[in-house]
Amino acid sequence: MKLQFSILTTILFLALSNLPVQAQENAPFSRSVLNYISSEDSRNIYYAIFYLSEKAEELSYDSKQKVEKLTRFFQYENAFRTSQSGDEEKDQYFQRYQDRKTLLEDLTKSSRSFNDERGKIAATHLLDLVVTIDPHFVEAAYEREKLFINDNTRLAWNGLSKAKGTSSRLPGGMVAASGGVFEVDFSIMSGVATGSAVGGLAKSQSLIKGLLVQELSGSQFAGEASQMNATVLGKSSGSSMSVKFNQKVGEMMTDAVGKMMSFLKSRHGTLPEGVQVELSFEEQYIPKDGPSAGVACTLMLDALLKGHEYSPGFAVTGALDEKGAVGGVGGVDGKIRGAISRNCEMVAIPSENERVIQDLLILEGPANLAKIQIVEIETYDDALQVAKKHDTRDEEVKKAIETFREVQAVLNRPGGLAYINNRQVQSKLRSVLQVLPNHLSAKYLLLKGMGRDPGNLTLLGSVQAIDRNAAPLINALREGDFDIQDRLRKDSFAETMSALTRLRPLLDERTRPCADAIVTYSGYVRVAINNPPRSPSARNQLINNLRSSGRDVGTQYDQLFKRPDVKAELMIDDEDE
């Protein structure tokens, strides 16, 4: 069967050539249009919406309406028809889309193939359809939000039209000229309010990046900037505003929801009644607990209430109490690395975690501080100030952020870190700190450039650094496994001894006895691996030395954590010992 000429192909051809397209029913495509429509992305769009139009009875009312409008928008005359490849290809796609996740992924991926202004407007509507079908599909919501923010696209479903020759009237958004030439008026899709929000809310969806972490062995943390999404599911009469997660979460995270709702009610006086909001994470299948998403979730809920738009390059971590105070969290160093790997521009961390930046500077140098703008936050308002979309930030804050970008442009080029001592660079860092004294990247880069950077790790940083470097030996010790040759690589003891020896001058002096005890233990391990005794008596002696030195490691750690100053600094309760 021949593929009827479609508005989709017209749009795509116009996007490529900006030339009018002449077509009549059953007329052959021009060669360039044929080549483009046969691409994988175009076929995915074509058949995914075709499939949805065929299965419309399985969709919600809202989804069905949007599918019908997209069907009209993307296809000239009738609803989707089979391609030139015939029914066999259609059947293959129908089989492929039995898995709804694949269908939504195809639409989301294909939306990125539209690069011109008109195409991005079409992509925005495709992505909005995906989010309507599955509000938990965070990737699509994030892509749609990027188009809203970066390309100023807007949703205008009433502007999606049928072409000339169909049974219904042609809406004003599309003009049919004679001779089969179609021109689409895309201007109606600019500056239109995004979607329709439930009563009492400014938006029906908001997104932000939250910083999550998974603890690994040896006090190491794998951090990630996870796209988070708050979606209004609907409204019911006679009930208070409710918030839930789209996956099972731990008790601490559940408690955090109660605190954020108390804060928002105190901040705004009242909350819309009956509104049901769902919070989702990009990684839905990873268990989550803890209070560290409190600030991120509150920012999303506040955006629903007040219409805030946040920078897609911003990420945040921190607990939040009922008064809007931000509390410290764990794994901040890993979270910062995760934000850098996700190409975030700015990350906000609790003020209580500032000293983590000191440890990062000592252990890893200034490179990561130059890659991302790290700010500390004490209150919710501190977070809101820097989270906003850049052109909605306060002018002074915008200028400070832009000034730091200028510093980044210098420091991040090859060999650029040498300019950290440059007076002009330091002058710019000072100007950033005058406006944003909580800008930790500027603060610690300036200290480094002035030769006033910290000389020692924090107490917590010292404990974690020892544990990370001695992880293979400590794990063997904790498990009571002294079959050293099977447990350890032959270079593990050398790596541990060398790393701890280099690290020792940087450690908090209170932790040095722990490091020394591990080095002693490593020495006996070295003998066991390189020169294992042959006689039973010598072997027994070595085993006794291993056990004795191992017990000394435990003794040193016990003594460290029983010190009142250490307990206070690390916030160790007696019941935690």
Protein backbone atom coordinates (compact mmCIF):
# COMPACT_ATOMS: atom_id res chain seq x y z
CA MET A 1 0.00 0.00 0.00
CA LYS A 2 1.18 3.49 -0.75
CA LEU A 3 1.74 5.89 2.14
CA GLN A 4 -0.47 8.96 1.87
CA PHE A 5 1.29 12.32 1.97
CA SER A 6 1.27 13.57 5.56
CA ILE A 7 1.62 16.81 7.43
CA LEU A 8 4.39 15.07 9.35
CA THR A 9 6.43 14.64 6.18
CA THR A 10 5.60 18.19 5.15
CA ILE A 11 6.88 19.51 8.46
CA LEU A 12 10.01 17.40 8.28
CA PHE A 13 10.70 18.44 4.71
CA LEU A 14 10.15 22.10 5.52
CA ALA A 15 12.49 21.77 8.45
CA LEU A 16 15.17 20.37 6.14
CA SER A 17 14.78 22.57 3.09
CA ASN A 18 12.43 25.47 3.98
CA LEU A 19 10.86 24.92 0.55
CA PRO A 20 7.14 24.53 -0.18
CA VAL A 21 6.05 20.97 -0.76
CA GLN A 22 3.67 20.16 -3.55
CA ALA A 23 1.61 17.03 -3.08
CA GLN A 24 -1.58 15.35 -4.12
CA GLU A 25 -3.20 12.20 -2.83
CA ASN A 26 -1.17 9.11 -3.77
CA ALA A 27 1.52 11.28 -5.35
CA PRO A 28 5.07 9.98 -4.90
CA PHE A 29 7.26 11.55 -2.27
CA SER A 30 10.21 13.67 -3.20
CA ARG A 31 13.45 11.73 -2.73
CA SER A 32 14.57 13.77 0.31
CA VAL A 33 11.28 13.30 2.12
CA LEU A 34 11.36 9.56 1.44
CA ASN A 35 14.85 9.31 2.87
CA TYR A 36 13.89 11.21 5.96
CA ILE A 37 10.61 9.46 6.69
CA SER A 38 12.34 6.10 6.37
CA SER A 39 14.71 6.92 9.24
CA GLU A 40 14.30 4.97 12.44
CA ASP A 41 13.18 7.95 14.52
CA SER A 42 10.47 8.92 12.03
CA ARG A 43 9.16 5.36 11.78
CA ASN A 44 9.08 5.12 15.56
CA ILE A 45 6.93 8.22 15.80
CA TYR A 46 4.76 7.08 12.91
CA TYR A 47 4.00 3.64 14.27
CA ALA A 48 3.92 4.49 17.97
CA ILE A 49 1.12 7.00 17.43
CA PHE A 50 -0.50 4.68 14.89
CA TYR A 51 -0.51 1.97 17.56
CA LEU A 52 -1.95 4.34 20.17
CA SER A 53 -4.70 5.45 17.79
CA GLU A 54 -5.63 1.81 17.20
CA LYS A 55 -5.61 1.09 20.95
CA ALA A 56 -7.29 4.32 22.04
CA GLU A 57 -9.95 2.51 24.05
CA GLU A 58 -7.23 1.35 26.44
CA LEU A 59 -6.12 4.91 27.21
CA SER A 60 -7.39 7.45 29.69
CA TYR A 61 -9.71 10.14 28.35
CA ASP A 62 -6.96 12.78 28.43
CA SER A 63 -4.46 10.50 26.68
CA LYS A 64 -7.04 9.54 24.05
CA GLN A 65 -7.78 13.19 23.26
CA LYS A 66 -4.10 13.97 22.82
CA VAL A 67 -3.53 10.93 20.61
CA GLU A 68 -6.39 12.02 18.37
CA LYS A 69 -4.96 15.52 18.05
CA LEU A 70 -1.47 14.24 17.31
CA THR A 71 -2.90 11.82 14.77
CA ARG A 72 -4.54 14.71 12.97
CA PHE A 73 -1.46 16.87 13.31
CA PHE A 74 1.02 14.35 12.00
CA GLN A 75 -1.01 12.71 9.24
CA TYR A 76 -2.73 14.18 6.20
CA GLU A 77 -6.36 13.13 5.68
CA ASN A 78 -7.11 9.82 7.40
CA ALA A 79 -5.76 8.37 10.60
CA PHE A 80 -2.44 6.61 10.25
CA ARG A 81 -2.07 4.27 7.32
CA THR A 82 0.46 1.58 6.65
CA SER A 83 3.80 2.56 5.17
CA GLN A 84 5.16 1.54 1.80
CA SER A 85 6.60 -1.54 3.47
CA GLY A 86 3.08 -2.90 3.89
CA ASP A 87 1.30 -4.68 6.69
CA GLU A 88 4.29 -6.79 7.63
CA GLU A 89 6.21 -3.82 8.99
CA LYS A 90 3.10 -2.54 10.75
CA ASP A 91 2.64 -5.92 12.41
CA GLN A 92 6.26 -5.88 13.56
CA TYR A 93 5.77 -2.52 15.21
CA PHE A 94 2.49 -3.56 16.76
CA GLN A 95 4.26 -6.52 18.30
CA ARG A 96 7.07 -4.26 19.46
CA TYR A 97 4.67 -1.89 21.18
CA GLN A 98 2.88 -4.54 23.19
CA ASP A 99 5.45 -3.45 25.76
CA ARG A 100 4.24 0.02 26.73
CA LYS A 101 7.67 0.96 28.06
CA THR A 102 9.21 0.40 24.62
CA LEU A 103 6.52 2.53 23.00
CA LEU A 104 7.10 5.42 25.39
CA GLU A 105 10.86 5.10 25.11
CA ASP A 106 10.62 5.23 21.31
CA LEU A 107 8.52 8.37 21.40
CA THR A 108 10.85 10.01 23.90
CA LYS A 109 13.96 9.10 21.94
CA SER A 110 12.42 10.14 18.64
CA SER A 111 11.41 13.53 20.00
CA ARG A 112 15.10 14.45 20.09
CA SER A 113 15.33 14.16 16.30
CA PHE A 114 13.47 17.45 15.84
CA ASN A 115 16.07 20.20 15.82
CA ASP A 116 14.39 23.26 14.32
CA GLU A 117 11.88 25.53 16.02
CA ARG A 118 8.84 23.89 14.48
CA GLY A 119 10.08 20.43 15.25
CA LYS A 120 10.76 21.27 18.88
CA ILE A 121 7.17 22.38 19.28
CA ALA A 122 6.03 19.06 17.85
CA ALA A 123 8.47 17.28 20.16
CA THR A 124 7.04 19.11 23.18
CA HIS A 125 3.60 17.72 22.42
CA LEU A 126 4.93 14.22 21.83
CA LEU A 127 6.66 14.29 25.21
CA ASP A 128 3.55 15.68 26.90
CA LEU A 129 1.60 12.73 25.50
CA VAL A 130 4.17 10.35 26.99
CA VAL A 131 3.93 12.02 30.40
CA THR A 132 0.13 11.95 30.23
CA ILE A 133 0.16 8.21 29.56
CA ASP A 134 2.77 7.54 32.23
CA PRO A 135 3.33 10.35 34.79
CA HIS A 136 6.23 8.33 36.20
CA PHE A 137 8.21 8.47 32.96
CA VAL A 138 10.72 10.95 34.34
CA GLU A 139 13.00 11.00 31.30
CA ALA A 140 10.17 12.29 29.09
CA ALA A 141 9.13 14.84 31.70
CA TYR A 142 12.70 16.06 31.94
CA GLU A 143 13.07 16.35 28.15
CA ARG A 144 9.79 18.27 27.98
CA GLU A 145 10.90 20.59 30.78
CA LYS A 146 14.17 21.29 28.96
CA LEU A 147 12.19 22.34 25.89
CA PHE A 148 10.01 24.59 28.05
CA ILE A 149 13.03 26.25 29.63
CA ASN A 150 15.69 26.26 26.91
CA ASP A 151 13.53 26.72 23.81
CA ASN A 152 10.50 28.50 25.29
CA THR A 153 8.10 26.00 23.73
CA ARG A 154 4.61 25.77 25.12
CA LEU A 155 1.71 23.38 24.92
CA ALA A 156 -1.21 24.43 22.75
CA TRP A 157 -3.25 21.33 22.09
CA ASN A 158 -6.02 23.35 20.47
CA GLY A 159 -3.56 24.37 17.78
CA LEU A 160 -3.03 20.81 16.58
CA SER A 161 -5.17 20.55 13.51
CA LYS A 162 -6.56 18.45 10.73
CA ALA A 163 -5.41 19.18 7.23
CA LYS A 164 -7.47 20.32 4.30
CA GLY A 165 -9.82 17.67 3.01
CA THR A 166 -10.70 16.03 6.30
CA SER A 167 -14.20 15.88 7.64
CA SER A 168 -13.81 18.51 10.34
CA ARG A 169 -13.14 22.20 9.94
CA LEU A 170 -9.62 23.49 9.68
CA PRO A 171 -8.67 25.34 12.92
CA GLY A 172 -7.01 28.72 12.74
CA GLY A 173 -3.58 27.33 13.54
CA MET A 174 -3.20 25.81 10.08
CA VAL A 175 -3.75 27.41 6.73
CA ALA A 176 -4.38 25.31 3.62
CA ALA A 177 -3.27 26.97 0.42
CA SER A 178 -4.28 25.95 -3.02
CA GLY A 179 -2.39 23.32 -4.91
CA GLY A 180 -1.93 21.06 -1.89
CA VAL A 181 0.70 23.29 -0.23
CA PHE A 182 0.31 23.35 3.53
CA GLU A 183 1.67 25.97 5.91
CA VAL A 184 1.44 25.44 9.64
CA ASP A 185 1.17 28.50 11.87
CA PHE A 186 3.40 27.58 14.79
CA SER A 187 3.21 31.00 16.41
CA ILE A 188 0.09 29.98 18.28
CA MET A 189 2.28 27.59 20.26
CA SER A 190 4.55 30.27 21.72
CA GLY A 191 3.89 31.94 25.03
CA VAL A 192 0.89 29.78 25.90
CA ALA A 193 0.60 28.67 29.51
CA THR A 194 1.95 25.18 30.07
CA GLY A 195 -0.80 22.63 30.41
CA SER A 196 -3.72 23.03 32.73
CA ALA A 197 -3.20 22.93 36.47
CA VAL A 198 -5.62 21.67 39.10
CA GLY A 199 -7.45 24.40 40.98
CA GLY A 200 -5.30 26.18 43.54
CA LEU A 201 -2.05 25.21 41.84
CA ALA A 202 0.10 27.17 39.42
CA LYS A 203 1.48 24.08 37.64
CA SER A 204 0.57 20.45 37.25
CA GLN A 205 4.14 19.17 37.16
CA SER A 206 7.61 20.21 38.31
CA LEU A 207 11.07 18.70 38.09
CA ILE A 208 14.41 19.03 39.80
CA LYS A 209 17.56 16.98 40.21
CA GLY A 210 18.03 15.42 43.63
CA LEU A 211 21.34 13.98 44.79
CA LEU A 212 21.17 10.33 45.80
CA VAL A 213 23.89 8.04 47.04
CA GLN A 214 24.55 4.36 47.58
CA GLU A 215 27.09 3.35 50.19
CA LEU A 216 29.77 0.98 48.97
CA SER A 217 32.38 -0.88 50.96
CA GLY A 218 35.22 1.01 52.58
CA SER A 219 33.30 4.22 53.34
CA GLN A 220 32.93 4.87 49.62
CA PHE A 221 29.82 6.34 48.10
CA ALA A 222 28.42 6.16 44.58
CA GLY A 223 26.48 9.33 44.04
CA GLU A 224 24.10 10.31 41.28
CA ALA A 225 22.06 13.33 40.27
CA SER A 226 18.62 11.78 39.83
CA GLN A 227 15.88 13.53 37.89
CA MET A 228 12.89 13.88 40.22
CA ASN A 229 9.34 14.66 39.22
CA ALA A 230 6.26 15.92 41.08
CA THR A 231 3.02 15.24 39.23
CA VAL A 232 -0.52 16.27 40.14
CA LEU A 233 -2.66 13.16 39.74
CA GLY A 234 -6.01 14.80 40.37
CA LYS A 235 -8.28 16.24 43.01
CA SER A 236 -10.86 14.80 45.35
CA SER A 237 -13.35 16.75 47.42
CA GLY A 238 -13.28 16.99 51.16
CA SER A 239 -9.71 15.92 51.78
CA SER A 240 -6.40 17.64 52.45
CA MET A 241 -3.54 17.87 49.97
CA SER A 242 -1.74 14.53 49.88
CA VAL A 243 1.74 13.59 48.70
CA LYS A 244 3.04 10.08 48.05
CA PHE A 245 6.00 8.42 46.35
CA ASN A 246 5.59 6.19 43.32
CA GLN A 247 7.69 3.48 44.95
CA LYS A 248 8.18 2.01 48.38
CA VAL A 249 10.48 4.18 50.48
CA GLY A 250 11.88 3.90 53.99
CA GLU A 251 10.47 5.32 57.19
CA MET A 252 12.81 8.32 57.29
CA MET A 253 11.82 9.43 53.80
CA THR A 254 8.16 9.03 54.69
CA ASP A 255 8.68 11.18 57.79
CA ALA A 256 10.38 13.81 55.62
CA VAL A 257 7.14 14.24 53.65
CA GLY A 258 5.29 15.20 56.82
CA LYS A 259 7.91 17.81 57.66
CA MET A 260 7.86 19.37 54.20
CA MET A 261 4.07 19.59 54.22
CA SER A 262 4.14 21.28 57.63
CA PHE A 263 6.69 23.76 56.34
CA LEU A 264 4.73 24.57 53.17
CA LYS A 265 1.51 25.02 55.14
CA SER A 266 3.28 27.41 57.50
CA ARG A 267 4.86 29.25 54.57
CA HIS A 268 1.71 29.67 52.48
CA GLY A 269 -0.99 29.66 55.13
CA THR A 270 -3.19 27.03 53.49
CA LEU A 271 -2.72 24.33 50.90
CA PRO A 272 -5.21 23.43 48.15
CA GLU A 273 -7.68 20.86 49.38
CA GLY A 274 -8.00 17.47 47.79
CA VAL A 275 -4.96 17.76 45.55
CA GLN A 276 -3.11 14.47 45.07
CA VAL A 277 0.59 14.72 44.17
CA GLU A 278 2.96 11.91 43.35
CA LEU A 279 6.75 12.17 43.67
CA SER A 280 8.94 9.98 41.50
CA PHE A 281 12.63 9.28 41.01
CA GLU A 282 14.44 8.51 37.79
CA GLU A 283 15.63 5.20 39.26
CA GLN A 284 12.39 3.64 40.43
CA TYR A 285 13.84 0.23 41.25
CA ILE A 286 16.58 1.27 43.67
CA PRO A 287 15.50 1.27 47.36
CA LYS A 288 15.43 4.73 48.90
CA ASP A 289 15.39 6.04 52.43
CA GLY A 290 16.71 8.90 54.49
CA PRO A 291 15.82 12.58 54.72
CA SER A 292 18.27 13.88 52.11
CA ALA A 293 15.62 14.46 49.40
CA GLY A 294 13.66 16.80 51.68
CA VAL A 295 14.82 20.05 50.09
CA ALA A 296 14.42 18.73 46.53
CA CYS A 297 10.88 17.49 47.16
CA THR A 298 9.88 20.73 48.85
CA LEU A 299 11.19 22.77 45.92
CA MET A 300 9.07 20.69 43.54
CA LEU A 301 5.93 21.05 45.64
CA ASP A 302 6.51 24.77 46.03
CA ALA A 303 6.82 25.04 42.24
CA LEU A 304 3.39 23.44 41.87
CA LEU A 305 1.97 26.00 44.28
CA LYS A 306 3.76 29.13 43.08
CA GLY A 307 4.86 28.39 39.53
CA HIS A 308 8.62 28.50 40.08
CA GLU A 309 10.79 27.24 37.25
CA TYR A 310 14.14 25.71 38.14
CA SER A 311 17.38 25.49 36.26
CA PRO A 312 17.83 22.06 34.63
CA GLY A 313 21.51 22.30 35.61
CA PHE A 314 20.76 22.59 39.34
CA ALA A 315 20.91 19.71 41.82
CA VAL A 316 20.38 19.69 45.58
CA THR A 317 20.65 17.51 48.67
CA GLY A 318 19.59 18.20 52.24
CA ALA A 319 17.08 17.39 54.92
CA LEU A 320 14.41 19.97 55.78
CA ASP A 321 12.57 20.51 59.05
CA GLU A 322 9.19 22.09 59.73
CA LYS A 323 10.75 25.57 60.07
CA GLY A 324 12.61 25.44 56.78
CA ALA A 325 16.06 24.78 58.24
CA VAL A 326 18.32 22.56 56.13
CA GLY A 327 20.03 19.65 57.90
CA GLY A 328 23.17 17.73 57.07
CA VAL A 329 23.22 14.48 55.13
CA GLY A 330 25.71 11.75 54.28
CA GLY A 331 27.70 10.84 51.20
CA VAL A 332 28.07 14.43 50.02
CA ASP A 333 31.42 13.85 48.32
CA GLY A 334 29.95 11.04 46.22
CA LYS A 335 26.90 13.15 45.44
CA ILE A 336 29.06 15.99 44.14
CA ARG A 337 30.93 13.58 41.87
CA GLY A 338 27.58 12.27 40.66
CA ALA A 339 26.40 15.81 39.87
CA ILE A 340 29.60 16.47 37.91
CA SER A 341 29.18 13.27 35.91
CA ARG A 342 25.60 14.37 35.07
CA ASN A 343 26.97 17.72 33.81
CA CYS A 344 25.17 19.74 36.45
CA GLU A 345 26.20 23.38 36.62
CA MET A 346 25.40 23.96 40.29
CA VAL A 347 24.87 21.83 43.37
CA ALA A 348 23.52 22.94 46.75
CA ILE A 349 24.58 21.11 49.91
CA PRO A 350 23.74 21.69 53.59
CA SER A 351 25.95 24.14 55.48
CA GLU A 352 26.60 21.37 58.01
CA ASN A 353 28.44 19.51 55.25
CA GLU A 354 30.75 22.36 54.25
CA ARG A 355 33.84 20.63 55.59
CA VAL A 356 33.37 17.89 53.03
CA ILE A 357 34.58 20.46 50.49
CA GLN A 358 37.70 20.97 52.56
CA ASP A 359 38.38 17.23 52.37
CA LEU A 360 37.72 17.15 48.63
CA LEU A 361 40.22 19.94 48.09
CA ILE A 362 42.92 18.15 50.11
CA LEU A 363 42.39 14.70 48.61
CA GLU A 364 41.51 15.53 45.02
CA GLY A 365 42.84 19.03 44.43
CA PRO A 366 40.88 22.00 43.04
CA ALA A 367 39.80 20.44 39.73
CA ASN A 368 36.31 19.34 40.82
CA LEU A 369 35.65 22.67 42.54
CA ALA A 370 36.28 24.36 39.21
CA LYS A 371 33.94 22.01 37.35
CA ILE A 372 30.79 22.81 39.33
CA GLN A 373 29.42 25.67 41.40
CA ILE A 374 28.93 24.35 44.94
CA VAL A 375 26.86 26.45 47.33
CA GLU A 376 25.92 25.79 50.93
CA ILE A 377 22.38 26.29 52.15
CA GLU A 378 21.13 26.86 55.70
CA THR A 379 17.48 27.50 54.91
CA TYR A 380 14.91 26.68 52.27
CA ASP A 381 15.10 30.25 50.95
CA ASP A 382 18.84 29.79 50.37
CA ALA A 383 18.01 26.83 48.14
CA LEU A 384 15.21 28.62 46.30
CA GLN A 385 17.47 31.57 45.56
CA VAL A 386 19.93 29.51 43.54
CA ALA A 387 17.57 26.82 42.21
CA LYS A 388 15.55 29.13 39.99
CA LYS A 389 15.88 29.27 36.25
CA HIS A 390 18.77 31.60 35.53
CA ASP A 391 16.79 34.47 34.00
CA THR A 392 14.45 34.52 37.01
CA ARG A 393 17.21 34.75 39.62
CA ASP A 394 17.97 38.02 41.38
CA GLU A 395 20.19 40.24 39.25
CA GLU A 396 23.08 40.20 41.72
CA VAL A 397 22.89 36.43 42.02
CA LYS A 398 22.83 36.07 38.23
CA LYS A 399 25.90 38.28 37.96
CA ALA A 400 27.79 36.29 40.60
CA ILE A 401 27.00 32.99 38.86
CA GLU A 402 28.05 34.42 35.51
CA THR A 403 31.29 35.73 37.01
CA PHE A 404 32.13 32.28 38.33
CA ARG A 405 31.45 30.88 34.86
CA GLU A 406 34.16 33.23 33.60
CA VAL A 407 36.54 31.77 36.17
CA GLN A 408 35.56 28.26 35.12
CA ALA A 409 36.32 29.07 31.50
CA VAL A 410 39.90 29.87 32.53
CA LEU A 411 40.52 27.10 35.06
CA ASN A 412 38.94 24.26 33.08
CA ARG A 413 41.00 24.67 29.93
CA PRO A 414 44.18 22.58 29.55
CA GLY A 415 46.70 23.79 32.13
CA GLY A 416 44.16 26.31 33.39
CA LEU A 417 44.44 25.41 37.08
CA ALA A 418 47.81 27.19 37.12
CA TYR A 419 45.83 30.44 36.88
CA ILE A 420 44.36 29.87 40.32
CA ASN A 421 47.17 32.14 41.57
CA ASN A 422 46.28 34.87 39.06
CA ARG A 423 45.19 38.14 40.66
CA GLN A 424 42.38 38.71 38.17
CA VAL A 425 40.99 35.25 38.84
CA GLN A 426 41.18 35.85 42.57
CA SER A 427 39.51 39.23 42.16
CA LYS A 428 36.58 37.59 40.36
CA LEU A 429 36.30 34.94 43.08
CA ARG A 430 36.14 37.69 45.71
CA SER A 431 33.37 39.45 43.78
CA VAL A 432 31.39 36.19 43.69
CA LEU A 433 31.75 35.84 47.46
CA GLN A 434 30.61 39.41 48.07
CA VAL A 435 27.20 38.49 46.64
CA LEU A 436 27.15 34.78 47.51
CA PRO A 437 29.26 34.26 50.65
CA ASN A 438 27.89 30.70 50.66
CA HIS A 439 29.59 29.91 47.32
CA LEU A 440 31.95 27.15 48.47
CA SER A 441 33.65 26.61 45.13
CA ALA A 442 34.68 30.26 45.05
CA LYS A 443 35.69 30.20 48.71
CA TYR A 444 37.98 27.19 48.56
CA LEU A 445 39.45 28.02 45.16
CA LEU A 446 40.36 31.45 46.51
CA LEU A 447 41.94 29.92 49.63
CA LYS A 448 43.90 27.55 47.42
CA GLY A 449 45.10 30.37 45.21
CA MET A 450 46.19 32.40 48.22
CA GLY A 451 48.04 29.45 49.75
CA ARG A 452 45.68 29.37 52.71
CA ASP A 453 43.91 26.11 51.92
CA PRO A 454 43.40 23.67 54.83
CA GLY A 455 46.31 21.44 55.72
CA ASN A 456 44.47 18.59 57.41
CA LEU A 457 41.42 16.51 56.73
CA THR A 458 38.42 16.81 58.99
CA LEU A 459 37.85 14.14 61.61
CA LEU A 460 35.16 12.45 59.53
CA GLY A 461 37.23 12.85 56.38
CA SER A 462 40.20 11.24 58.11
CA VAL A 463 38.19 8.23 59.29
CA GLN A 464 36.70 7.74 55.85
CA ALA A 465 40.05 8.16 54.09
CA ILE A 466 41.65 5.50 56.32
CA ASP A 467 38.75 3.13 55.75
CA ARG A 468 38.81 3.63 51.97
CA ASN A 469 42.53 3.03 51.63
CA ALA A 470 42.59 0.04 53.96
CA ALA A 471 39.31 -1.50 52.77
CA PRO A 472 40.74 -4.86 51.56
CA LEU A 473 42.62 -5.47 54.81
CA ILE A 474 39.87 -4.20 57.07
CA ASN A 475 37.29 -6.40 55.36
CA ALA A 476 39.49 -9.46 55.89
CA LEU A 477 40.01 -8.46 59.52
CA ARG A 478 36.31 -7.89 60.18
CA GLU A 479 35.41 -11.25 58.68
CA GLY A 480 38.08 -13.02 60.73
CA ASP A 481 39.48 -14.65 57.62
CA PHE A 482 43.24 -15.14 57.87
CA ASP A 483 43.67 -17.23 54.77
CA ILE A 484 45.56 -14.25 53.43
CA GLN A 485 46.86 -15.70 50.20
CA ASP A 486 43.34 -16.51 49.05
CA ARG A 487 41.74 -13.31 50.28
CA LEU A 488 44.13 -10.63 49.07
CA ARG A 489 45.92 -9.75 45.91
CA LYS A 490 49.66 -9.70 46.46
CA ASP A 491 49.85 -5.94 46.00
CA SER A 492 46.98 -5.07 48.36
CA PHE A 493 49.20 -4.80 51.45
CA ALA A 494 51.70 -2.63 49.54
CA GLU A 495 48.94 -0.31 48.30
CA THR A 496 47.52 0.03 51.80
CA MET A 497 50.88 0.71 53.49
CA SER A 498 51.93 3.19 50.80
CA ALA A 499 48.59 5.02 50.78
CA LEU A 500 48.38 5.31 54.56
CA THR A 501 51.98 6.44 54.82
CA ARG A 502 51.31 9.24 52.31
CA LEU A 503 48.02 10.07 53.97
CA ARG A 504 49.26 10.17 57.57
CA PRO A 505 50.46 13.82 57.62
CA LEU A 506 47.07 14.95 56.29
CA LEU A 507 45.03 13.06 58.89
CA ASP A 508 43.39 14.56 61.91
CA GLU A 509 45.95 13.74 64.62
CA ARG A 510 43.34 11.89 66.65
CA THR A 511 43.00 9.28 63.89
CA ARG A 512 46.71 8.65 63.32
CA PRO A 513 46.97 5.80 65.88
CA CYS A 514 44.31 3.95 63.85
CA ALA A 515 46.30 4.41 60.66
CA ASP A 516 49.52 3.31 62.41
CA ALA A 517 47.85 0.17 63.74
CA ILE A 518 46.63 -0.74 60.25
CA VAL A 519 50.13 -0.21 58.82
CA THR A 520 51.53 -2.56 61.45
CA TYR A 521 48.90 -5.13 60.60
CA SER A 522 49.75 -4.67 56.91
CA GLY A 523 53.39 -5.42 57.67
CA TYR A 524 52.51 -8.87 58.97
CA VAL A 525 50.31 -9.41 55.94
CA ARG A 526 53.30 -8.55 53.79
CA VAL A 527 55.34 -11.26 55.46
CA ALA A 528 52.52 -13.76 55.04
CA ILE A 529 52.32 -13.08 51.31
CA ASN A 530 55.95 -12.51 50.30
CA ASN A 531 57.77 -14.77 52.72
CA PRO A 532 55.35 -17.21 54.33
CA PRO A 533 57.00 -19.23 57.10
CA ARG A 534 57.49 -22.92 56.50
CA SER A 535 57.87 -24.27 60.00
CA PRO A 536 54.72 -24.82 62.06
CA SER A 537 56.06 -22.77 64.95
CA ALA A 538 56.93 -19.77 62.74
CA ARG A 539 53.56 -20.01 61.05
CA ASN A 540 51.79 -20.07 64.41
CA GLN A 541 53.81 -17.06 65.53
CA LEU A 542 52.83 -15.14 62.41
CA ILE A 543 49.18 -16.01 62.94
CA ASN A 544 49.42 -14.78 66.54
CA ASN A 545 51.02 -11.54 65.34
CA LEU A 546 48.27 -11.09 62.80
CA ARG A 547 45.63 -11.61 65.47
CA SER A 548 47.36 -9.37 67.97
CA SER A 549 47.89 -6.54 65.49
CA GLY A 550 44.34 -7.01 64.26
CA ARG A 551 43.00 -6.66 67.81
CA ASP A 552 45.10 -3.51 68.19
CA VAL A 553 43.35 -2.03 65.16
CA GLY A 554 40.03 -2.63 66.88
CA THR A 555 41.34 -1.21 70.15
CA GLN A 556 42.51 1.99 68.49
CA TYR A 557 39.15 2.49 66.78
CA ASP A 558 37.29 1.84 70.06
CA GLN A 559 39.43 4.38 71.89
CA LEU A 560 38.91 6.93 69.13
CA PHE A 561 35.13 6.66 69.10
CA LYS A 562 34.87 6.76 72.90
CA ARG A 563 36.56 10.16 73.11
CA PRO A 564 33.97 12.79 74.14
CA ASP A 565 35.23 15.32 71.59
CA VAL A 566 35.05 12.75 68.80
CA LYS A 567 31.56 11.62 69.82
CA ALA A 568 30.38 15.23 69.83
CA GLU A 569 31.97 16.06 66.48
CA LEU A 570 30.69 12.93 64.76
CA MET A 571 27.34 13.12 66.60
CA ILE A 572 27.69 9.60 68.01
CA ASP A 573 25.08 8.63 70.61
CA ASP A 574 25.93 6.19 73.36
CA GLU A 575 23.33 3.78 71.98
CA ASP A 576 25.15 3.80 68.62
CA GLU A 577 28.39 2.45 70.07
